[in-house]
Amino acid sequence: MVQAADMSGKAALVTGAASGLGRATALALAQAGADLCIADVNASGLEETASAIRALSRKALIHAADLSVAENCAPAVQAAIATFGRLDALCNVAGLIMFTNTPEMKIADWNKTIAVNLSAPFHLCQAAIPHLLEQNGAIVNVSSTAAYVGEAYAAAYCASKAGLLQMTKAMAMEYVKKPIRINAVAPGGMMTNIAANLKMPEGVDYELIKRFSGMRGLVEVEDVANMVAYLASPAGRGFHGSCVTMDAGITAG
């Protein structure tokens, strides 16, 4: 199993940490020794994650905020710095998907999807990069197989995740001469709260849905979390501008 290197004395900010992959990533980093600033709109979920982190004898700072609002992103970074005095890793895990027939997608739903999946990571990176440079730190963005394969009824999600992947590469090139690593992970389907609560549009053609369902089934959340934590840690020092696909073969052919 891929595991993060020693993160003792280091601090990380993880978004979407109230549940699912975000929570699993925060716990993987805590197990490696990091203290955590955990951010999400779900305050009660953050409390549960914080309790699990503290049970591992690590510090947990809760930052409940709607990061789809640009003005709320920098304060999350500032809170981590104010509490821990440093920032070694930023893990942009929070995500949103709404399956919709394209002509029926509401403007507000399009804007929300782009805001959560693409704009929030950008604004968080803006605020975090100066601090990450001081610590030879890392950014890990969670993209998706949807960045590589068109998925029916998910135009906004595909656009946002493809944009996040290209943003990762662009930032990696911008900082290729600087002491910071910027990478992404692109998982396939996982059994998270997002997947459990998905709603399909009326008249959906399930044959189209099956086209991007892996023959080997869902990807384990803990496996993806361990990869995110690995890339965020010094163990991932050989990665920069990379996107690690973890989809059980969906994008292989």
C-alpha atoms as a PDB file:
ATOM      1  CA  MET A   1       0.000   0.000   0.000  1.00  0.00           C
ATOM      2  CA  VAL A   2       1.266   3.477  -0.898  1.00  0.00           C
ATOM      3  CA  GLN A   3       1.869   5.493   2.248  1.00  0.00           C
ATOM      4  CA  ALA A   4       2.903   9.037   2.994  1.00  0.00           C
ATOM      5  CA  ALA A   5       6.393   9.662   4.314  1.00  0.00           C
ATOM      6  CA  ASP A   6       6.942  11.041   7.795  1.00  0.00           C
ATOM      7  CA  MET A   7       4.876  14.227   8.101  1.00  0.00           C
ATOM      8  CA  SER A   8       5.771  14.870  11.735  1.00  0.00           C
ATOM      9  CA  GLY A   9       6.002  18.583  12.472  1.00  0.00           C
ATOM     10  CA  LYS A  10       4.193  19.433   9.236  1.00  0.00           C
ATOM     11  CA  ALA A  11       0.753  20.924   8.619  1.00  0.00           C
ATOM     12  CA  ALA A  12      -1.723  20.271   5.822  1.00  0.00           C
ATOM     13  CA  LEU A  13      -4.976  21.823   4.644  1.00  0.00           C
ATOM     14  CA  VAL A  14      -7.561  19.386   3.256  1.00  0.00           C
ATOM     15  CA  THR A  15     -10.832  20.506   1.696  1.00  0.00           C
ATOM     16  CA  GLY A  16     -13.971  18.395   1.518  1.00  0.00           C
ATOM     17  CA  ALA A  17     -12.826  16.825   4.779  1.00  0.00           C
ATOM     18  CA  ALA A  18     -16.252  16.361   6.360  1.00  0.00           C
ATOM     19  CA  SER A  19     -16.683  12.979   4.692  1.00  0.00           C
ATOM     20  CA  GLY A  20     -15.630  10.608   1.935  1.00  0.00           C
ATOM     21  CA  LEU A  21     -12.275  11.052   0.238  1.00  0.00           C
ATOM     22  CA  GLY A  22     -11.557  14.317   2.038  1.00  0.00           C
ATOM     23  CA  ARG A  23     -11.937  12.700   5.441  1.00  0.00           C
ATOM     24  CA  ALA A  24      -9.903   9.671   4.393  1.00  0.00           C
ATOM     25  CA  THR A  25      -7.129  11.939   3.084  1.00  0.00           C
ATOM     26  CA  ALA A  26      -7.034  13.932   6.311  1.00  0.00           C
ATOM     27  CA  LEU A  27      -6.752  10.721   8.311  1.00  0.00           C
ATOM     28  CA  ALA A  28      -4.007   9.362   6.061  1.00  0.00           C
ATOM     29  CA  LEU A  29      -1.990  12.533   6.614  1.00  0.00           C
ATOM     30  CA  ALA A  30      -2.661  12.436  10.350  1.00  0.00           C
ATOM     31  CA  GLN A  31      -1.444   8.839  10.480  1.00  0.00           C
ATOM     32  CA  ALA A  32       1.752  10.064   8.837  1.00  0.00           C
ATOM     33  CA  GLY A  33       2.167  12.637  11.602  1.00  0.00           C
ATOM     34  CA  ALA A  34       0.701  15.845  10.148  1.00  0.00           C
ATOM     35  CA  ASP A  35      -1.497  18.332  11.919  1.00  0.00           C
ATOM     36  CA  LEU A  36      -4.599  19.216   9.918  1.00  0.00           C
ATOM     37  CA  CYS A  37      -6.684  22.213   8.994  1.00  0.00           C
ATOM     38  CA  ILE A  38      -9.870  20.638   7.642  1.00  0.00           C
ATOM     39  CA  ALA A  39     -12.311  22.661   5.571  1.00  0.00           C
ATOM     40  CA  ASP A  40     -15.833  21.938   4.378  1.00  0.00           C
ATOM     41  CA  VAL A  41     -19.293  23.505   4.319  1.00  0.00           C
ATOM     42  CA  ASN A  42     -20.513  20.635   6.541  1.00  0.00           C
ATOM     43  CA  ALA A  43     -19.596  21.696  10.087  1.00  0.00           C
ATOM     44  CA  SER A  44     -20.964  18.604  11.828  1.00  0.00           C
ATOM     45  CA  GLY A  45     -19.036  16.328   9.492  1.00  0.00           C
ATOM     46  CA  LEU A  46     -15.871  18.276  10.232  1.00  0.00           C
ATOM     47  CA  GLU A  47     -16.398  17.685  13.951  1.00  0.00           C
ATOM     48  CA  GLU A  48     -16.455  13.932  13.323  1.00  0.00           C
ATOM     49  CA  THR A  49     -13.314  14.103  11.212  1.00  0.00           C
ATOM     50  CA  ALA A  50     -11.560  16.239  13.814  1.00  0.00           C
ATOM     51  CA  SER A  51     -12.366  13.699  16.536  1.00  0.00           C
ATOM     52  CA  ALA A  52     -10.833  10.924  14.432  1.00  0.00           C
ATOM     53  CA  ILE A  53      -7.708  13.026  13.805  1.00  0.00           C
ATOM     54  CA  ARG A  54      -7.304  13.820  17.495  1.00  0.00           C
ATOM     55  CA  ALA A  55      -7.686  10.130  18.304  1.00  0.00           C
ATOM     56  CA  LEU A  56      -4.474   9.726  16.301  1.00  0.00           C
ATOM     57  CA  SER A  57      -2.797  12.258  18.630  1.00  0.00           C
ATOM     58  CA  ARG A  58      -2.674  14.949  15.942  1.00  0.00           C
ATOM     59  CA  LYS A  59      -4.064  18.488  16.032  1.00  0.00           C
ATOM     60  CA  ALA A  60      -7.186  19.322  14.041  1.00  0.00           C
ATOM     61  CA  LEU A  61      -8.360  22.822  13.193  1.00  0.00           C
ATOM     62  CA  ILE A  62     -11.932  23.016  11.911  1.00  0.00           C
ATOM     63  CA  HIS A  63     -12.665  25.631   9.255  1.00  0.00           C
ATOM     64  CA  ALA A  64     -16.314  25.504   8.245  1.00  0.00           C
ATOM     65  CA  ALA A  65     -16.877  27.574   5.108  1.00  0.00           C
ATOM     66  CA  ASP A  66     -18.447  27.494   1.668  1.00  0.00           C
ATOM     67  CA  LEU A  67     -15.338  27.486  -0.506  1.00  0.00           C
ATOM     68  CA  SER A  68     -17.400  27.956  -3.665  1.00  0.00           C
ATOM     69  CA  VAL A  69     -17.404  31.621  -2.577  1.00  0.00           C
ATOM     70  CA  ALA A  70     -14.035  32.974  -3.687  1.00  0.00           C
ATOM     71  CA  GLU A  71     -13.684  35.291  -0.708  1.00  0.00           C
ATOM     72  CA  ASN A  72     -13.848  32.311   1.665  1.00  0.00           C
ATOM     73  CA  CYS A  73     -10.767  30.556   0.268  1.00  0.00           C
ATOM     74  CA  ALA A  74      -7.871  32.694   1.479  1.00  0.00           C
ATOM     75  CA  PRO A  75      -9.191  32.732   5.088  1.00  0.00           C
ATOM     76  CA  ALA A  76      -8.906  28.920   5.174  1.00  0.00           C
ATOM     77  CA  VAL A  77      -5.191  29.188   4.385  1.00  0.00           C
ATOM     78  CA  GLN A  78      -4.771  32.057   6.821  1.00  0.00           C
ATOM     79  CA  ALA A  79      -6.429  30.022   9.573  1.00  0.00           C
ATOM     80  CA  ALA A  80      -3.958  27.182   9.058  1.00  0.00           C
ATOM     81  CA  ILE A  81      -0.987  29.548   9.152  1.00  0.00           C
ATOM     82  CA  ALA A  82      -2.289  31.344  12.246  1.00  0.00           C
ATOM     83  CA  THR A  83      -2.718  28.056  14.108  1.00  0.00           C
ATOM     84  CA  PHE A  84       0.260  26.011  12.960  1.00  0.00           C
ATOM     85  CA  GLY A  85       2.693  28.710  11.834  1.00  0.00           C
ATOM     86  CA  ARG A  86       3.318  26.904   8.559  1.00  0.00           C
ATOM     87  CA  LEU A  87       1.691  25.063   5.666  1.00  0.00           C
ATOM     88  CA  ASP A  88       3.338  22.064   4.027  1.00  0.00           C
ATOM     89  CA  ALA A  89       0.531  20.659   1.897  1.00  0.00           C
ATOM     90  CA  LEU A  90      -2.708  21.767   0.283  1.00  0.00           C
ATOM     91  CA  CYS A  91      -5.048  18.968  -0.796  1.00  0.00           C
ATOM     92  CA  ASN A  92      -7.973  20.184  -2.886  1.00  0.00           C
ATOM     93  CA  VAL A  93     -10.363  17.273  -2.472  1.00  0.00           C
ATOM     94  CA  ALA A  94     -13.813  18.896  -2.297  1.00  0.00           C
ATOM     95  CA  GLY A  95     -15.936  18.097  -5.330  1.00  0.00           C
ATOM     96  CA  LEU A  96     -19.442  18.363  -6.722  1.00  0.00           C
ATOM     97  CA  ILE A  97     -21.240  16.496  -9.516  1.00  0.00           C
ATOM     98  CA  MET A  98     -24.773  16.915 -10.815  1.00  0.00           C
ATOM     99  CA  PHE A  99     -25.989  14.665 -13.618  1.00  0.00           C
ATOM    100  CA  THR A 100     -28.264  16.684 -15.877  1.00  0.00           C
ATOM    101  CA  ASN A 101     -29.568  16.716 -19.411  1.00  0.00           C
ATOM    102  CA  THR A 102     -27.490  19.515 -20.940  1.00  0.00           C
ATOM    103  CA  PRO A 103     -30.417  21.691 -22.146  1.00  0.00           C
ATOM    104  CA  GLU A 104     -31.956  21.501 -18.680  1.00  0.00           C
ATOM    105  CA  MET A 105     -28.943  22.469 -16.591  1.00  0.00           C
ATOM    106  CA  LYS A 106     -29.619  25.570 -14.540  1.00  0.00           C
ATOM    107  CA  ILE A 107     -27.137  28.419 -14.681  1.00  0.00           C
ATOM    108  CA  ALA A 108     -26.786  28.298 -10.907  1.00  0.00           C
ATOM    109  CA  ASP A 109     -25.913  24.571 -11.006  1.00  0.00           C
ATOM    110  CA  TRP A 110     -23.301  25.114 -13.740  1.00  0.00           C
ATOM    111  CA  ASN A 111     -21.734  27.995 -11.796  1.00  0.00           C
ATOM    112  CA  LYS A 112     -21.748  26.030  -8.532  1.00  0.00           C
ATOM    113  CA  THR A 113     -20.038  23.031 -10.142  1.00  0.00           C
ATOM    114  CA  ILE A 114     -17.302  25.183 -11.666  1.00  0.00           C
ATOM    115  CA  ALA A 115     -16.900  27.137  -8.424  1.00  0.00           C
ATOM    116  CA  VAL A 116     -16.437  24.051  -6.233  1.00  0.00           C
ATOM    117  CA  ASN A 117     -14.352  21.926  -8.605  1.00  0.00           C
ATOM    118  CA  LEU A 118     -12.174  24.525 -10.323  1.00  0.00           C
ATOM    119  CA  SER A 119     -12.385  28.057  -8.949  1.00  0.00           C
ATOM    120  CA  ALA A 120     -12.003  27.116  -5.269  1.00  0.00           C
ATOM    121  CA  PRO A 121      -8.813  25.096  -5.872  1.00  0.00           C
ATOM    122  CA  PHE A 122      -7.404  28.017  -7.866  1.00  0.00           C
ATOM    123  CA  HIS A 123      -8.110  30.562  -5.137  1.00  0.00           C
ATOM    124  CA  LEU A 124      -6.779  28.235  -2.441  1.00  0.00           C
ATOM    125  CA  CYS A 125      -3.600  27.716  -4.466  1.00  0.00           C
ATOM    126  CA  GLN A 126      -3.238  31.478  -4.851  1.00  0.00           C
ATOM    127  CA  ALA A 127      -3.307  31.927  -1.104  1.00  0.00           C
ATOM    128  CA  ALA A 128      -1.232  28.849  -0.238  1.00  0.00           C
ATOM    129  CA  ILE A 129       1.651  28.997  -2.717  1.00  0.00           C
ATOM    130  CA  PRO A 130       3.700  31.693  -0.915  1.00  0.00           C
ATOM    131  CA  HIS A 131       3.591  29.626   2.282  1.00  0.00           C
ATOM    132  CA  LEU A 132       4.222  26.315   0.526  1.00  0.00           C
ATOM    133  CA  LEU A 133       7.317  27.764  -1.132  1.00  0.00           C
ATOM    134  CA  GLU A 134       8.749  28.481   2.314  1.00  0.00           C
ATOM    135  CA  GLN A 135       8.420  24.809   3.307  1.00  0.00           C
ATOM    136  CA  ASN A 136       9.216  23.058  -0.004  1.00  0.00           C
ATOM    137  CA  GLY A 137       5.602  21.969   0.173  1.00  0.00           C
ATOM    138  CA  ALA A 138       3.083  20.399  -2.157  1.00  0.00           C
ATOM    139  CA  ILE A 139      -0.314  20.845  -3.769  1.00  0.00           C
ATOM    140  CA  VAL A 140      -2.451  17.851  -4.710  1.00  0.00           C
ATOM    141  CA  ASN A 141      -5.622  18.435  -6.699  1.00  0.00           C
ATOM    142  CA  VAL A 142      -8.245  15.718  -7.019  1.00  0.00           C
ATOM    143  CA  SER A 143      -9.342  15.554 -10.632  1.00  0.00           C
ATOM    144  CA  SER A 144     -11.252  12.616 -12.118  1.00  0.00           C
ATOM    145  CA  THR A 145     -11.359  10.171 -14.990  1.00  0.00           C
ATOM    146  CA  ALA A 146     -13.929  12.670 -16.274  1.00  0.00           C
ATOM    147  CA  ALA A 147     -10.957  14.858 -17.194  1.00  0.00           C
ATOM    148  CA  TYR A 148     -10.016  12.224 -19.788  1.00  0.00           C
ATOM    149  CA  VAL A 149     -13.292  10.582 -20.824  1.00  0.00           C
ATOM    150  CA  GLY A 150     -16.515  12.347 -21.762  1.00  0.00           C
ATOM    151  CA  GLU A 151     -19.309  11.279 -19.434  1.00  0.00           C
ATOM    152  CA  ALA A 152     -22.929  11.591 -20.521  1.00  0.00           C
ATOM    153  CA  TYR A 153     -25.083  14.007 -18.495  1.00  0.00           C
ATOM    154  CA  ALA A 154     -21.999  15.472 -16.766  1.00  0.00           C
ATOM    155  CA  ALA A 155     -20.828  18.301 -19.041  1.00  0.00           C
ATOM    156  CA  ALA A 156     -20.142  20.713 -16.175  1.00  0.00           C
ATOM    157  CA  TYR A 157     -18.309  18.100 -14.109  1.00  0.00           C
ATOM    158  CA  CYS A 158     -16.169  16.976 -17.052  1.00  0.00           C
ATOM    159  CA  ALA A 159     -15.333  20.581 -17.938  1.00  0.00           C
ATOM    160  CA  SER A 160     -14.368  21.436 -14.371  1.00  0.00           C
ATOM    161  CA  LYS A 161     -12.194  18.357 -13.834  1.00  0.00           C
ATOM    162  CA  ALA A 162     -10.433  18.742 -17.191  1.00  0.00           C
ATOM    163  CA  GLY A 163      -9.831  22.375 -16.303  1.00  0.00           C
ATOM    164  CA  LEU A 164      -8.425  21.361 -12.916  1.00  0.00           C
ATOM    165  CA  LEU A 165      -6.026  18.943 -14.588  1.00  0.00           C
ATOM    166  CA  GLN A 166      -4.743  21.600 -16.982  1.00  0.00           C
ATOM    167  CA  MET A 167      -4.528  24.128 -14.145  1.00  0.00           C
ATOM    168  CA  THR A 168      -2.341  21.646 -12.264  1.00  0.00           C
ATOM    169  CA  LYS A 169       0.006  21.290 -15.231  1.00  0.00           C
ATOM    170  CA  ALA A 170       0.134  25.040 -15.879  1.00  0.00           C
ATOM    171  CA  MET A 171       1.012  25.810 -12.274  1.00  0.00           C
ATOM    172  CA  ALA A 172       3.586  23.027 -12.254  1.00  0.00           C
ATOM    173  CA  MET A 173       5.333  24.613 -15.228  1.00  0.00           C
ATOM    174  CA  GLU A 174       5.117  28.076 -13.680  1.00  0.00           C
ATOM    175  CA  TYR A 175       6.899  26.759 -10.576  1.00  0.00           C
ATOM    176  CA  VAL A 176       9.142  24.153 -12.175  1.00  0.00           C
ATOM    177  CA  LYS A 177      12.220  26.085 -10.954  1.00  0.00           C
ATOM    178  CA  LYS A 178      10.845  26.600  -7.444  1.00  0.00           C
ATOM    179  CA  PRO A 179      10.807  24.314  -4.363  1.00  0.00           C
ATOM    180  CA  ILE A 180       7.176  23.245  -4.596  1.00  0.00           C
ATOM    181  CA  ARG A 181       5.467  20.189  -6.101  1.00  0.00           C
ATOM    182  CA  ILE A 182       2.081  20.423  -7.805  1.00  0.00           C
ATOM    183  CA  ASN A 183       0.278  17.249  -8.851  1.00  0.00           C
ATOM    184  CA  ALA A 184      -3.147  15.680  -9.282  1.00  0.00           C
ATOM    185  CA  VAL A 185      -4.915  12.384  -8.766  1.00  0.00           C
ATOM    186  CA  ALA A 186      -7.709  11.245 -11.088  1.00  0.00           C
ATOM    187  CA  PRO A 187      -9.839   8.551  -9.456  1.00  0.00           C
ATOM    188  CA  GLY A 188     -12.635   6.598 -11.041  1.00  0.00           C
ATOM    189  CA  GLY A 189     -15.918   5.947  -9.275  1.00  0.00           C
ATOM    190  CA  MET A 190     -15.730   5.532  -5.498  1.00  0.00           C
ATOM    191  CA  MET A 191     -18.393   4.712  -2.916  1.00  0.00           C
ATOM    192  CA  THR A 192     -18.572   8.073  -1.172  1.00  0.00           C
ATOM    193  CA  ASN A 193     -21.490  10.135   0.081  1.00  0.00           C
ATOM    194  CA  ILE A 194     -21.469  11.946  -3.267  1.00  0.00           C
ATOM    195  CA  ALA A 195     -21.907   8.683  -5.161  1.00  0.00           C
ATOM    196  CA  ALA A 196     -24.539   7.414  -2.732  1.00  0.00           C
ATOM    197  CA  ASN A 197     -26.697  10.518  -3.207  1.00  0.00           C
ATOM    198  CA  LEU A 198     -26.419  10.884  -6.977  1.00  0.00           C
ATOM    199  CA  LYS A 199     -29.642  11.586  -8.838  1.00  0.00           C
ATOM    200  CA  MET A 200     -30.024  10.773 -12.504  1.00  0.00           C
ATOM    201  CA  PRO A 201     -32.010  12.973 -14.877  1.00  0.00           C
ATOM    202  CA  GLU A 202     -35.383  11.916 -16.219  1.00  0.00           C
ATOM    203  CA  GLY A 203     -35.162   9.635 -19.228  1.00  0.00           C
ATOM    204  CA  VAL A 204     -31.508   8.709 -18.608  1.00  0.00           C
ATOM    205  CA  ASP A 205     -30.001   6.156 -20.993  1.00  0.00           C
ATOM    206  CA  TYR A 206     -28.200   3.743 -18.671  1.00  0.00           C
ATOM    207  CA  GLU A 207     -26.309   2.220 -21.567  1.00  0.00           C
ATOM    208  CA  LEU A 208     -24.452   5.524 -21.801  1.00  0.00           C
ATOM    209  CA  ILE A 209     -23.792   5.525 -18.060  1.00  0.00           C
ATOM    210  CA  LYS A 210     -22.274   2.048 -18.252  1.00  0.00           C
ATOM    211  CA  ARG A 211     -19.734   3.279 -20.812  1.00  0.00           C
ATOM    212  CA  PHE A 212     -17.729   4.967 -18.043  1.00  0.00           C
ATOM    213  CA  SER A 213     -18.309   2.325 -15.364  1.00  0.00           C
ATOM    214  CA  GLY A 214     -15.249   0.185 -14.736  1.00  0.00           C
ATOM    215  CA  MET A 215     -15.383  -3.553 -15.366  1.00  0.00           C
ATOM    216  CA  ARG A 216     -13.452  -4.062 -12.127  1.00  0.00           C
ATOM    217  CA  GLY A 217     -15.899  -2.109 -10.008  1.00  0.00           C
ATOM    218  CA  LEU A 218     -15.407   0.905  -7.782  1.00  0.00           C
ATOM    219  CA  VAL A 219     -12.068   2.211  -6.556  1.00  0.00           C
ATOM    220  CA  GLU A 220     -11.405   2.011  -2.811  1.00  0.00           C
ATOM    221  CA  VAL A 221     -11.566   5.406  -1.129  1.00  0.00           C
ATOM    222  CA  GLU A 222      -8.653   4.582   1.185  1.00  0.00           C
ATOM    223  CA  ASP A 223      -6.416   3.719  -1.766  1.00  0.00           C
ATOM    224  CA  VAL A 224      -7.026   7.102  -3.376  1.00  0.00           C
ATOM    225  CA  ALA A 225      -6.584   8.891  -0.039  1.00  0.00           C
ATOM    226  CA  ASN A 226      -3.239   7.177   0.476  1.00  0.00           C
ATOM    227  CA  MET A 227      -2.097   8.312  -2.964  1.00  0.00           C
ATOM    228  CA  VAL A 228      -3.125  11.913  -2.285  1.00  0.00           C
ATOM    229  CA  ALA A 229      -1.277  11.827   1.024  1.00  0.00           C
ATOM    230  CA  TYR A 230       1.761  10.223  -0.614  1.00  0.00           C
ATOM    231  CA  LEU A 231       1.977  12.995  -3.234  1.00  0.00           C
ATOM    232  CA  ALA A 232       1.513  15.603  -0.507  1.00  0.00           C
ATOM    233  CA  SER A 233       4.406  14.177   1.497  1.00  0.00           C
ATOM    234  CA  PRO A 234       8.170  14.196   0.920  1.00  0.00           C
ATOM    235  CA  ALA A 235       7.828  10.634  -0.393  1.00  0.00           C
ATOM    236  CA  GLY A 236       6.319  12.083  -3.559  1.00  0.00           C
ATOM    237  CA  ARG A 237       9.359  14.208  -4.334  1.00  0.00           C
ATOM    238  CA  GLY A 238       9.754  12.671  -7.803  1.00  0.00           C
ATOM    239  CA  PHE A 239       6.339  13.896  -8.953  1.00  0.00           C
ATOM    240  CA  HIS A 240       5.708  17.344 -10.409  1.00  0.00           C
ATOM    241  CA  GLY A 241       3.042  18.208 -12.973  1.00  0.00           C
ATOM    242  CA  SER A 242       1.785  14.617 -12.878  1.00  0.00           C
ATOM    243  CA  CYS A 243      -1.723  13.220 -12.717  1.00  0.00           C
ATOM    244  CA  VAL A 244      -1.993   9.731 -11.287  1.00  0.00           C
ATOM    245  CA  THR A 245      -5.044   7.896 -12.629  1.00  0.00           C
ATOM    246  CA  MET A 246      -6.656   5.413 -10.248  1.00  0.00           C
ATOM    247  CA  ASP A 247      -9.639   4.051 -12.132  1.00  0.00           C
ATOM    248  CA  ALA A 248      -9.222   0.264 -12.402  1.00  0.00           C
ATOM    249  CA  GLY A 249      -8.669   0.543 -16.116  1.00  0.00           C
ATOM    250  CA  ILE A 250     -11.482   2.893 -17.223  1.00  0.00           C
ATOM    251  CA  THR A 251      -9.158   5.169 -19.199  1.00  0.00           C
ATOM    252  CA  ALA A 252      -6.892   2.388 -20.444  1.00  0.00           C
ATOM    253  CA  GLY A 253      -8.882   1.839 -23.604  1.00  0.00           C
END
